[in-house]
């Protein structure tokens, strides 16, 4: 039996005025939450705060955890693996200082209504948190 690759990632979910702060990198064709792989010796919370800063220069404050999600395939490539996604509802402290960084192509405030209607291509965990009711 071949062991599956396991990825554990953590990141912030930032909602303002009915819009989500999402970004796109150079490897995926969908909008997704800020976040990244948790490194050895690092907590989920630390990774959340670090990736916000690295990806968009965002300073965030964690409010509370949201529902985690486990994916069994890479949503972009279809490769079988286990991806554990840990989400944190966060407040953004420096909205006017956001800028693209660390492998990010672009970012945008995307209306949740547009995501619900299917107009915007988003990562599975974005759809999951909306369906679950963590994002309204």
Protein backbone atom coordinates (compact mmCIF):
# COMPACT_ATOMS: atom_id res chain seq x y z
CA UNK A 1 0.00 0.00 0.00
CA UNK A 2 1.32 3.43 -0.97
CA UNK A 3 1.05 6.05 1.75
CA UNK A 4 -0.77 9.21 0.75
CA UNK A 5 0.86 12.59 0.96
CA UNK A 6 -0.51 14.66 3.86
CA UNK A 7 -0.72 18.44 3.90
CA UNK A 8 -1.85 20.40 6.97
CA UNK A 9 -2.62 24.07 6.34
CA UNK A 10 -3.98 26.96 8.36
CA UNK A 11 -5.21 30.41 7.43
CA UNK A 12 -7.52 33.33 8.13
CA UNK A 13 -11.04 33.89 6.86
CA UNK A 14 -11.63 37.63 6.58
CA UNK A 15 -15.16 38.93 5.94
CA UNK A 16 -16.11 42.59 5.57
CA UNK A 17 -19.39 44.03 4.30
CA UNK A 18 -20.56 40.75 2.78
CA UNK A 19 -17.26 40.17 0.97
CA UNK A 20 -14.43 37.69 1.48
CA UNK A 21 -10.77 38.57 1.12
CA UNK A 22 -9.43 35.92 -1.27
CA UNK A 23 -6.31 35.56 -3.35
CA UNK A 24 -4.97 33.60 -6.30
CA UNK A 25 -1.49 32.24 -6.67
CA UNK A 26 0.40 31.12 -9.77
CA UNK A 27 -0.35 27.39 -9.41
CA UNK A 28 -4.15 27.29 -8.96
CA UNK A 29 -6.89 28.73 -11.17
CA UNK A 30 -9.35 29.45 -8.36
CA UNK A 31 -9.76 32.06 -5.63
CA UNK A 32 -8.89 30.83 -2.14
CA UNK A 33 -8.35 31.87 1.44
CA UNK A 34 -4.96 33.10 2.54
CA UNK A 35 -3.07 30.28 4.20
CA UNK A 36 -0.31 27.76 4.03
CA UNK A 37 1.27 24.58 5.28
CA UNK A 38 1.90 24.36 8.99
CA UNK A 39 5.62 23.89 9.62
CA UNK A 40 7.20 21.67 12.27
CA UNK A 41 7.11 23.33 15.70
CA UNK A 42 4.50 25.87 14.61
CA UNK A 43 0.92 26.15 15.87
CA UNK A 44 -2.12 26.53 13.63
CA UNK A 45 -2.57 30.06 14.96
CA UNK A 46 1.05 31.01 14.22
CA UNK A 47 0.78 29.76 10.63
CA UNK A 48 -2.47 31.69 10.17
CA UNK A 49 -0.89 34.96 11.30
CA UNK A 50 2.37 34.40 9.36
CA UNK A 51 0.68 33.53 6.04
CA UNK A 52 -1.58 36.57 6.26
CA UNK A 53 1.52 38.75 6.58
CA UNK A 54 3.53 36.85 3.93
CA UNK A 55 0.80 36.67 1.28
CA UNK A 56 -0.88 40.08 1.57
CA UNK A 57 0.97 42.07 4.24
CA UNK A 58 -2.20 41.58 6.32
CA UNK A 59 -2.18 42.10 10.06
CA UNK A 60 -5.01 39.99 11.48
CA UNK A 61 -6.52 39.22 14.86
CA UNK A 62 -7.94 35.74 15.37
CA UNK A 63 -11.52 35.81 16.64
CA UNK A 64 -12.40 32.10 16.71
CA UNK A 65 -11.88 28.80 14.89
CA UNK A 66 -14.19 27.81 12.05
CA UNK A 67 -15.01 24.32 10.80
CA UNK A 68 -11.95 22.42 9.55
CA UNK A 69 -12.09 20.47 6.29
CA UNK A 70 -10.32 17.34 5.08
CA UNK A 71 -9.89 16.88 1.32
CA UNK A 72 -8.82 13.53 -0.14
CA UNK A 73 -7.65 14.86 -3.50
CA UNK A 74 -5.75 17.93 -4.63
CA UNK A 75 -8.51 20.18 -6.06
CA UNK A 76 -6.26 21.41 -8.86
CA UNK A 77 -4.46 18.23 -9.97
CA UNK A 78 -6.77 15.46 -8.73
CA UNK A 79 -3.78 13.75 -7.07
CA UNK A 80 -4.85 11.52 -4.18
CA UNK A 81 -3.63 12.97 -0.90
CA UNK A 82 -4.98 14.13 2.44
CA UNK A 83 -5.27 17.90 2.87
CA UNK A 84 -6.33 19.14 6.29
CA UNK A 85 -7.49 22.77 6.25
CA UNK A 86 -7.84 24.68 9.52
CA UNK A 87 -9.73 27.98 9.28
CA UNK A 88 -9.83 30.99 11.62
CA UNK A 89 -12.33 33.83 11.54
CA UNK A 90 -10.17 36.95 11.72
CA UNK A 91 -10.42 40.72 11.81
CA UNK A 92 -8.20 42.65 9.42
CA UNK A 93 -6.32 45.46 11.14
CA UNK A 94 -4.60 47.15 8.16
CA UNK A 95 -6.93 47.08 5.15
CA UNK A 96 -5.23 50.01 3.42
CA UNK A 97 -1.78 48.35 3.58
CA UNK A 98 -2.62 45.13 1.70
CA UNK A 99 -0.25 44.22 -1.12
CA UNK A 100 0.60 41.12 -3.13
CA UNK A 101 3.49 39.07 -1.76
CA UNK A 102 5.02 35.59 -1.52
CA UNK A 103 3.87 33.81 -4.70
CA UNK A 104 0.50 35.56 -4.91
CA UNK A 105 -0.75 36.73 -8.31
CA UNK A 106 -3.64 38.91 -7.08
CA UNK A 107 -6.16 39.46 -4.31
CA UNK A 108 -9.71 40.75 -4.21
CA UNK A 109 -12.71 41.35 -1.99
CA UNK A 110 -15.27 38.97 -3.51
CA UNK A 111 -18.98 39.24 -2.81
CA UNK A 112 -20.31 36.17 -1.01
CA UNK A 113 -23.50 36.37 -3.12
CA UNK A 114 -21.41 35.95 -6.29
CA UNK A 115 -19.72 32.89 -4.79
CA UNK A 116 -23.07 31.37 -3.77
CA UNK A 117 -24.45 31.92 -7.27
CA UNK A 118 -21.47 30.12 -8.83
CA UNK A 119 -20.18 33.19 -10.72
CA UNK A 120 -16.75 32.93 -9.10
CA UNK A 121 -14.44 29.88 -9.19
CA UNK A 122 -13.35 29.29 -5.59
CA UNK A 123 -11.50 26.60 -3.65
CA UNK A 124 -13.54 23.74 -2.12
CA UNK A 125 -13.03 25.02 1.43
CA UNK A 126 -14.61 28.39 0.56
CA UNK A 127 -17.74 26.60 -0.72
CA UNK A 128 -17.64 24.28 2.31
CA UNK A 129 -17.62 27.12 4.88
CA UNK A 130 -20.47 28.90 3.08
CA UNK A 131 -22.55 25.70 2.89
CA UNK A 132 -21.75 24.87 6.54
CA UNK A 133 -22.99 28.32 7.60
CA UNK A 134 -19.65 29.54 8.99
CA UNK A 135 -19.73 32.25 6.30
CA UNK A 136 -23.01 34.05 5.73
